[in-house]
Amino acid sequence: MFTPKIVEAQPLNGYKIRLRFADGAAGEVDLSHLAGRGVFACWNDYEDFKKVSIEGGRRLAWAEDIDIDADSLYMKLTGKTPEELFPALKENPVYA
């Protein structure tokens, strides 16, 4: 089973992140739709957004309680659907 692993994350202007995954997929993901909403209110100070870290290759994290998982970032970057990323969703509808 394929598991996306983040190997590089660089914050960019406009609440975008340049990502590179272990399989070579790379590009920018726009997270501006999250800025200022709920737990992402801490990004109101743009310096906090720039303090992104990679945790275990499986998520981007900010502060203690804010993270975004690698699967959703990979799908956003590549345009893949959950069924394409996780074929078991097609094969076993109990997971859907």
Protein backbone atom coordinates (compact mmCIF):
# COMPACT_ATOMS: atom_id res chain seq x y z
CA MET A 1 0.00 0.00 0.00
CA PHE A 2 1.30 3.43 -0.96
CA THR A 3 1.75 5.93 1.85
CA PRO A 4 2.67 9.51 0.90
CA LYS A 5 5.71 10.75 2.80
CA ILE A 6 6.63 14.44 2.92
CA VAL A 7 10.38 14.98 2.58
CA GLU A 8 10.47 18.75 2.08
CA ALA A 9 8.20 21.66 2.99
CA GLN A 10 8.98 25.30 2.35
CA PRO A 11 6.53 28.08 3.30
CA LEU A 12 5.85 30.59 0.55
CA ASN A 13 4.03 33.92 0.38
CA GLY A 14 0.24 33.89 0.37
CA TYR A 15 -0.09 30.88 2.70
CA LYS A 16 1.31 28.47 0.14
CA ILE A 17 3.67 25.59 0.81
CA ARG A 18 6.14 24.07 -1.62
CA LEU A 19 6.14 20.32 -0.98
CA ARG A 20 8.17 17.38 -2.15
CA PHE A 21 7.15 13.81 -1.46
CA ALA A 22 9.35 10.71 -1.33
CA ASP A 23 7.89 9.41 -4.62
CA GLY A 24 9.06 12.58 -6.43
CA ALA A 25 5.71 14.39 -6.52
CA ALA A 26 6.40 18.08 -5.94
CA GLY A 27 4.73 21.45 -6.24
CA GLU A 28 2.85 24.15 -4.39
CA VAL A 29 -0.26 23.71 -2.25
CA ASP A 30 -2.38 26.74 -1.44
CA LEU A 31 -3.57 26.74 2.18
CA SER A 32 -4.91 30.31 2.18
CA HIS A 33 -8.50 29.06 2.55
CA LEU A 34 -7.56 27.89 6.07
CA ALA A 35 -5.84 31.08 7.25
CA GLY A 36 -7.66 32.78 10.11
CA ARG A 37 -10.25 30.00 10.48
CA GLY A 38 -10.64 27.93 13.65
CA VAL A 39 -7.31 26.61 14.93
CA PHE A 40 -5.61 28.27 11.94
CA ALA A 41 -6.33 31.70 13.47
CA CYS A 42 -2.75 31.58 14.74
CA TRP A 43 -1.71 32.13 11.12
CA ASN A 44 -3.02 35.69 11.46
CA ASP A 45 0.59 36.31 12.44
CA TYR A 46 2.28 35.22 9.20
CA GLU A 47 5.49 34.47 11.10
CA ASP A 48 3.62 31.58 12.79
CA PHE A 49 2.68 30.12 9.39
CA LYS A 50 6.35 30.13 8.38
CA LYS A 51 7.22 27.91 11.40
CA VAL A 52 5.99 24.76 9.65
CA SER A 53 7.67 21.45 10.42
CA ILE A 54 7.40 17.93 9.06
CA GLU A 55 6.46 15.30 11.65
CA GLY A 56 7.35 11.73 10.80
CA GLY A 57 6.96 12.43 7.10
CA ARG A 58 3.23 12.04 7.59
CA ARG A 59 2.07 15.55 8.47
CA LEU A 60 2.88 19.23 8.42
CA ALA A 61 2.66 20.79 11.86
CA TRP A 62 2.50 24.24 13.41
CA ALA A 63 2.55 24.88 17.15
CA GLU A 64 1.28 22.03 19.31
CA ASP A 65 -2.26 21.45 18.08
CA ILE A 66 -2.19 22.25 14.37
CA ASP A 67 -1.36 19.72 11.67
CA ILE A 68 -2.39 18.64 8.18
CA ASP A 69 -1.93 15.02 7.14
CA ALA A 70 0.22 13.97 4.20
CA ASP A 71 -2.61 12.11 2.46
CA SER A 72 -4.80 15.19 2.04
CA LEU A 73 -1.81 17.30 0.95
CA TYR A 74 -0.76 14.67 -1.58
CA MET A 75 -4.28 14.52 -3.05
CA LYS A 76 -4.46 18.31 -3.23
CA LEU A 77 -1.07 18.48 -4.95
CA THR A 78 -1.57 15.63 -7.42
CA GLY A 79 -5.32 15.88 -8.00
CA LYS A 80 -5.72 12.20 -7.11
CA THR A 81 -8.96 11.01 -5.54
CA PRO A 82 -9.11 8.99 -2.31
CA GLU A 83 -10.01 5.92 -4.40
CA GLU A 84 -6.90 6.39 -6.56
CA LEU A 85 -4.67 6.81 -3.54
CA PHE A 86 -6.33 4.02 -1.57
CA PRO A 87 -7.57 1.33 -4.00
CA ALA A 88 -9.15 -0.61 -1.13
CA LEU A 89 -11.88 2.06 -1.07
CA LYS A 90 -13.03 0.85 -4.51
CA GLU A 91 -12.55 -2.81 -3.76
CA ASN A 92 -14.27 -2.86 -0.38
CA PRO A 93 -17.20 -0.41 -0.10
CA VAL A 94 -17.33 -0.94 3.67
CA TYR A 95 -14.49 1.64 3.85
CA ALA A 96 -16.43 4.22 1.85
